[in-house]
């Protein structure tokens, strides 16, 4: 599993959350969905980046 297979779905959730947030300005019923998508996308992206940093640190210390 590569880094991009973890990051791209998370970035997709961020984009969908942003689009739903834009729609929420017109229709307040979209706010909960926008919040959930944006938070999940953000958490997934941060988790993937932390995983990448840990992987780099691990490979540098085991060489």
PDB file of N, CA and C in Angstrom:
ATOM      1  N   UNK A   1       0.850  -1.172   0.000  1.00  0.00           N
ATOM      2  CA  UNK A   1       0.000   0.000   0.000  1.00  0.00           C
ATOM      3  C   UNK A   1       0.897   1.236   0.000  1.00  0.00           C
ATOM      4  N   UNK A   2       0.679   2.099  -0.946  1.00  0.00           N
ATOM      5  CA  UNK A   2       1.530   3.281  -1.054  1.00  0.00           C
ATOM      6  C   UNK A   2       0.907   4.460  -0.318  1.00  0.00           C
ATOM      7  N   UNK A   3       1.704   5.475  -0.181  1.00  0.00           N
ATOM      8  CA  UNK A   3       1.259   6.698   0.493  1.00  0.00           C
ATOM      9  C   UNK A   3       0.055   7.312  -0.208  1.00  0.00           C
ATOM     10  N   UNK A   4       0.086   7.306  -1.540  1.00  0.00           N
ATOM     11  CA  UNK A   4      -0.992   7.965  -2.291  1.00  0.00           C
ATOM     12  C   UNK A   4      -2.320   7.231  -2.176  1.00  0.00           C
ATOM     13  N   UNK A   5      -2.292   5.917  -1.946  1.00  0.00           N
ATOM     14  CA  UNK A   5      -3.562   5.208  -1.773  1.00  0.00           C
ATOM     15  C   UNK A   5      -4.216   5.584  -0.447  1.00  0.00           C
ATOM     16  N   UNK A   6      -3.454   6.146   0.469  1.00  0.00           N
ATOM     17  CA  UNK A   6      -4.021   6.632   1.721  1.00  0.00           C
ATOM     18  C   UNK A   6      -4.434   8.098   1.632  1.00  0.00           C
ATOM     19  N   UNK A   7      -3.653   8.887   0.907  1.00  0.00           N
ATOM     20  CA  UNK A   7      -3.889  10.329   0.881  1.00  0.00           C
ATOM     21  C   UNK A   7      -5.005  10.720  -0.087  1.00  0.00           C
ATOM     22  N   UNK A   8      -5.050  10.115  -1.258  1.00  0.00           N
ATOM     23  CA  UNK A   8      -6.030  10.548  -2.256  1.00  0.00           C
ATOM     24  C   UNK A   8      -7.479  10.406  -1.798  1.00  0.00           C
ATOM     25  N   UNK A   9      -7.880   9.292  -1.168  1.00  0.00           N
ATOM     26  CA  UNK A   9      -9.268   9.252  -0.670  1.00  0.00           C
ATOM     27  C   UNK A   9      -9.547  10.320   0.390  1.00  0.00           C
ATOM     28  N   UNK A  10      -8.566  10.602   1.224  1.00  0.00           N
ATOM     29  CA  UNK A  10      -8.749  11.635   2.247  1.00  0.00           C
ATOM     30  C   UNK A  10      -8.886  13.014   1.617  1.00  0.00           C
ATOM     31  N   UNK A  11      -8.071  13.274   0.616  1.00  0.00           N
ATOM     32  CA  UNK A  11      -8.192  14.553  -0.081  1.00  0.00           C
ATOM     33  C   UNK A  11      -9.528  14.645  -0.802  1.00  0.00           C
ATOM     34  N   UNK A  12      -9.996  13.518  -1.331  1.00  0.00           N
ATOM     35  CA  UNK A  12     -11.319  13.494  -1.953  1.00  0.00           C
ATOM     36  C   UNK A  12     -12.410  13.837  -0.960  1.00  0.00           C
ATOM     37  N   UNK A  13     -12.296  13.320   0.263  1.00  0.00           N
ATOM     38  CA  UNK A  13     -13.273  13.661   1.298  1.00  0.00           C
ATOM     39  C   UNK A  13     -13.205  15.142   1.657  1.00  0.00           C
ATOM     40  N   UNK A  14     -12.003  15.697   1.673  1.00  0.00           N
ATOM     41  CA  UNK A  14     -11.874  17.130   1.939  1.00  0.00           C
ATOM     42  C   UNK A  14     -12.563  17.952   0.855  1.00  0.00           C
ATOM     43  N   UNK A  15     -12.371  17.554  -0.397  1.00  0.00           N
ATOM     44  CA  UNK A  15     -13.003  18.271  -1.508  1.00  0.00           C
ATOM     45  C   UNK A  15     -14.518  18.141  -1.430  1.00  0.00           C
ATOM     46  N   UNK A  16     -15.007  16.919  -1.186  1.00  0.00           N
ATOM     47  CA  UNK A  16     -16.453  16.733  -1.060  1.00  0.00           C
ATOM     48  C   UNK A  16     -17.012  17.528   0.118  1.00  0.00           C
ATOM     49  N   UNK A  17     -16.270  17.572   1.222  1.00  0.00           N
ATOM     50  CA  UNK A  17     -16.698  18.380   2.362  1.00  0.00           C
ATOM     51  C   UNK A  17     -16.760  19.861   2.024  1.00  0.00           C
ATOM     52  N   UNK A  18     -15.789  20.320   1.254  1.00  0.00           N
ATOM     53  CA  UNK A  18     -15.806  21.719   0.823  1.00  0.00           C
ATOM     54  C   UNK A  18     -16.977  22.025  -0.087  1.00  0.00           C
ATOM     55  N   UNK A  19     -17.262  21.114  -1.019  1.00  0.00           N
ATOM     56  CA  UNK A  19     -18.411  21.308  -1.907  1.00  0.00           C
ATOM     57  C   UNK A  19     -19.723  21.274  -1.132  1.00  0.00           C
ATOM     58  N   UNK A  20     -19.830  20.344  -0.191  1.00  0.00           N
ATOM     59  CA  UNK A  20     -21.041  20.284   0.629  1.00  0.00           C
ATOM     60  C   UNK A  20     -21.154  21.529   1.509  1.00  0.00           C
ATOM     61  N   UNK A  21     -20.032  22.042   1.976  1.00  0.00           N
ATOM     62  CA  UNK A  21     -20.043  23.275   2.760  1.00  0.00           C
ATOM     63  C   UNK A  21     -20.499  24.463   1.942  1.00  0.00           C
ATOM     64  N   UNK A  22     -20.092  24.488   0.687  1.00  0.00           N
ATOM     65  CA  UNK A  22     -20.544  25.568  -0.191  1.00  0.00           C
ATOM     66  C   UNK A  22     -22.052  25.486  -0.418  1.00  0.00           C
ATOM     67  N   UNK A  23     -22.544  24.260  -0.571  1.00  0.00           N
ATOM     68  CA  UNK A  23     -23.985  24.070  -0.724  1.00  0.00           C
ATOM     69  C   UNK A  23     -24.721  24.397   0.573  1.00  0.00           C
ATOM     70  N   UNK A  24     -24.059  24.210   1.716  1.00  0.00           N
ATOM     71  CA  UNK A  24     -24.690  24.475   3.011  1.00  0.00           C
ATOM     72  C   UNK A  24     -24.989  25.957   3.213  1.00  0.00           C
ATOM     73  N   UNK A  25     -24.308  26.827   2.468  1.00  0.00           N
ATOM     74  CA  UNK A  25     -24.635  28.250   2.565  1.00  0.00           C
ATOM     75  C   UNK A  25     -26.038  28.514   2.034  1.00  0.00           C
ATOM     76  N   UNK A  26     -26.442  27.729   1.031  1.00  0.00           N
ATOM     77  CA  UNK A  26     -27.791  27.881   0.472  1.00  0.00           C
ATOM     78  C   UNK A  26     -28.821  27.058   1.220  1.00  0.00           C
ATOM     79  N   UNK A  27     -28.424  25.870   1.656  1.00  0.00           N
ATOM     80  CA  UNK A  27     -29.351  24.946   2.299  1.00  0.00           C
ATOM     81  C   UNK A  27     -28.714  24.452   3.603  1.00  0.00           C
ATOM     82  N   UNK A  28     -29.168  24.931   4.742  1.00  0.00           N
ATOM     83  CA  UNK A  28     -28.552  24.556   6.028  1.00  0.00           C
ATOM     84  C   UNK A  28     -28.620  23.064   6.344  1.00  0.00           C
ATOM     85  N   UNK A  29     -29.466  22.317   5.667  1.00  0.00           N
ATOM     86  CA  UNK A  29     -29.558  20.877   5.929  1.00  0.00           C
ATOM     87  C   UNK A  29     -28.270  20.150   5.541  1.00  0.00           C
ATOM     88  N   UNK A  30     -27.436  20.770   4.718  1.00  0.00           N
ATOM     89  CA  UNK A  30     -26.182  20.157   4.283  1.00  0.00           C
ATOM     90  C   UNK A  30     -25.070  20.317   5.313  1.00  0.00           C
ATOM     91  N   UNK A  31     -25.252  21.133   6.322  1.00  0.00           N
ATOM     92  CA  UNK A  31     -24.167  21.422   7.273  1.00  0.00           C
ATOM     93  C   UNK A  31     -23.617  20.192   7.986  1.00  0.00           C
ATOM     94  N   UNK A  32     -24.466  19.297   8.516  1.00  0.00           N
ATOM     95  CA  UNK A  32     -23.892  18.119   9.195  1.00  0.00           C
ATOM     96  C   UNK A  32     -23.070  17.235   8.259  1.00  0.00           C
ATOM     97  N   UNK A  33     -23.558  17.026   7.045  1.00  0.00           N
ATOM     98  CA  UNK A  33     -22.813  16.207   6.084  1.00  0.00           C
ATOM     99  C   UNK A  33     -21.489  16.867   5.729  1.00  0.00           C
ATOM    100  N   UNK A  34     -21.520  18.161   5.503  1.00  0.00           N
ATOM    101  CA  UNK A  34     -20.288  18.880   5.173  1.00  0.00           C
ATOM    102  C   UNK A  34     -19.280  18.776   6.309  1.00  0.00           C
ATOM    103  N   UNK A  35     -19.751  18.918   7.526  1.00  0.00           N
ATOM    104  CA  UNK A  35     -18.845  18.845   8.677  1.00  0.00           C
ATOM    105  C   UNK A  35     -18.228  17.457   8.809  1.00  0.00           C
ATOM    106  N   UNK A  36     -19.041  16.425   8.660  1.00  0.00           N
ATOM    107  CA  UNK A  36     -18.537  15.051   8.788  1.00  0.00           C
ATOM    108  C   UNK A  36     -17.521  14.745   7.697  1.00  0.00           C
ATOM    109  N   UNK A  37     -17.837  15.087   6.451  1.00  0.00           N
ATOM    110  CA  UNK A  37     -16.907  14.815   5.348  1.00  0.00           C
ATOM    111  C   UNK A  37     -15.599  15.571   5.534  1.00  0.00           C
ATOM    112  N   UNK A  38     -15.697  16.828   5.924  1.00  0.00           N
ATOM    113  CA  UNK A  38     -14.496  17.636   6.070  1.00  0.00           C
ATOM    114  C   UNK A  38     -13.622  17.138   7.217  1.00  0.00           C
ATOM    115  N   UNK A  39     -14.239  16.779   8.332  1.00  0.00           N
ATOM    116  CA  UNK A  39     -13.472  16.278   9.480  1.00  0.00           C
ATOM    117  C   UNK A  39     -12.830  14.934   9.154  1.00  0.00           C
ATOM    118  N   UNK A  40     -13.580  14.025   8.535  1.00  0.00           N
ATOM    119  CA  UNK A  40     -13.005  12.724   8.171  1.00  0.00           C
ATOM    120  C   UNK A  40     -11.867  12.882   7.168  1.00  0.00           C
ATOM    121  N   UNK A  41     -12.054  13.751   6.193  1.00  0.00           N
ATOM    122  CA  UNK A  41     -10.987  13.993   5.225  1.00  0.00           C
ATOM    123  C   UNK A  41      -9.757  14.594   5.869  1.00  0.00           C
ATOM    124  N   UNK A  42      -9.963  15.536   6.771  1.00  0.00           N
ATOM    125  CA  UNK A  42      -8.831  16.148   7.465  1.00  0.00           C
ATOM    126  C   UNK A  42      -8.094  15.164   8.343  1.00  0.00           C
ATOM    127  N   UNK A  43      -8.847  14.369   9.098  1.00  0.00           N
ATOM    128  CA  UNK A  43      -8.204  13.369   9.958  1.00  0.00           C
ATOM    129  C   UNK A  43      -7.454  12.326   9.134  1.00  0.00           C
ATOM    130  N   UNK A  44      -8.043  11.897   8.038  1.00  0.00           N
ATOM    131  CA  UNK A  44      -7.374  10.914   7.185  1.00  0.00           C
ATOM    132  C   UNK A  44      -6.101  11.460   6.574  1.00  0.00           C
ATOM    133  N   UNK A  45      -6.143  12.710   6.141  1.00  0.00           N
ATOM    134  CA  UNK A  45      -4.952  13.329   5.555  1.00  0.00           C
ATOM    135  C   UNK A  45      -3.853  13.486   6.599  1.00  0.00           C
ATOM    136  N   UNK A  46      -4.208  13.944   7.777  1.00  0.00           N
ATOM    137  CA  UNK A  46      -3.216  14.094   8.851  1.00  0.00           C
ATOM    138  C   UNK A  46      -2.644  12.735   9.239  1.00  0.00           C
ATOM    139  N   UNK A  47      -3.502  11.724   9.337  1.00  0.00           N
ATOM    140  CA  UNK A  47      -3.021  10.386   9.690  1.00  0.00           C
ATOM    141  C   UNK A  47      -2.064   9.847   8.633  1.00  0.00           C
ATOM    142  N   UNK A  48      -2.369  10.076   7.363  1.00  0.00           N
ATOM    143  CA  UNK A  48      -1.482   9.609   6.303  1.00  0.00           C
ATOM    144  C   UNK A  48      -0.144  10.340   6.345  1.00  0.00           C
ATOM    145  N   UNK A  49      -0.165  11.635   6.604  1.00  0.00           N
ATOM    146  CA  UNK A  49       1.086  12.393   6.686  1.00  0.00           C
ATOM    147  C   UNK A  49       1.918  11.971   7.894  1.00  0.00           C
ATOM    148  N   UNK A  50       1.276  11.744   9.021  1.00  0.00           N
ATOM    149  CA  UNK A  50       2.000  11.260  10.205  1.00  0.00           C
ATOM    150  C   UNK A  50       2.585   9.881   9.930  1.00  0.00           C
ATOM    151  N   UNK A  51       1.822   9.027   9.267  1.00  0.00           N
ATOM    152  CA  UNK A  51       2.324   7.706   8.900  1.00  0.00           C
ATOM    153  C   UNK A  51       3.531   7.792   7.988  1.00  0.00           C
ATOM    154  N   UNK A  52       3.503   8.726   7.052  1.00  0.00           N
ATOM    155  CA  UNK A  52       4.644   8.902   6.154  1.00  0.00           C
ATOM    156  C   UNK A  52       5.878   9.363   6.925  1.00  0.00           C
ATOM    157  N   UNK A  53       5.705  10.309   7.825  1.00  0.00           N
ATOM    158  CA  UNK A  53       6.835  10.788   8.628  1.00  0.00           C
ATOM    159  C   UNK A  53       7.400   9.656   9.481  1.00  0.00           C
ATOM    160  N   UNK A  54       6.531   8.876  10.106  1.00  0.00           N
ATOM    161  CA  UNK A  54       7.001   7.755  10.920  1.00  0.00           C
ATOM    162  C   UNK A  54       7.721   6.712  10.073  1.00  0.00           C
ATOM    163  N   UNK A  55       7.217   6.466   8.878  1.00  0.00           N
ATOM    164  CA  UNK A  55       7.877   5.510   7.982  1.00  0.00           C
ATOM    165  C   UNK A  55       9.265   5.997   7.588  1.00  0.00           C
ATOM    166  N   UNK A  56       9.387   7.273   7.275  1.00  0.00           N
ATOM    167  CA  UNK A  56      10.692   7.836   6.909  1.00  0.00           C
ATOM    168  C   UNK A  56      11.649   7.759   8.096  1.00  0.00           C
ATOM    169  N   UNK A  57      11.172   8.122   9.277  1.00  0.00           N
ATOM    170  CA  UNK A  57      12.030   8.046  10.464  1.00  0.00           C
ATOM    171  C   UNK A  57      12.446   6.612  10.759  1.00  0.00           C
ATOM    172  N   UNK A  58      11.543   5.674  10.605  1.00  0.00           N
ATOM    173  CA  UNK A  58      11.854   4.265  10.857  1.00  0.00           C
ATOM    174  C   UNK A  58      12.897   3.749   9.869  1.00  0.00           C
ATOM    175  N   UNK A  59      12.738   4.086   8.597  1.00  0.00           N
ATOM    176  CA  UNK A  59      13.703   3.593   7.609  1.00  0.00           C
ATOM    177  C   UNK A  59      15.073   4.235   7.801  1.00  0.00           C
ATOM    178  N   UNK A  60      15.123   5.467   8.288  1.00  0.00           N
ATOM    179  CA  UNK A  60      16.414   6.111   8.519  1.00  0.00           C
ATOM    180  C   UNK A  60      17.123   5.539   9.737  1.00  0.00           C
ATOM    181  N   UNK A  61      16.379   5.143  10.747  1.00  0.00           N
ATOM    182  CA  UNK A  61      17.022   4.636  11.959  1.00  0.00           C
ATOM    183  C   UNK A  61      17.415   3.170  11.838  1.00  0.00           C
ATOM    184  N   UNK A  62      16.829   2.431  10.910  1.00  0.00           N
ATOM    185  CA  UNK A  62      17.144   1.008  10.786  1.00  0.00           C
ATOM    186  C   UNK A  62      18.203   0.736   9.731  1.00  0.00           C
ATOM    187  N   UNK A  63      18.740   1.756   9.112  1.00  0.00           N
ATOM    188  CA  UNK A  63      19.763   1.520   8.086  1.00  0.00           C
ATOM    189  C   UNK A  63      21.138   1.397   8.696  1.00  0.00           C
TER     190      UNK A  63
END
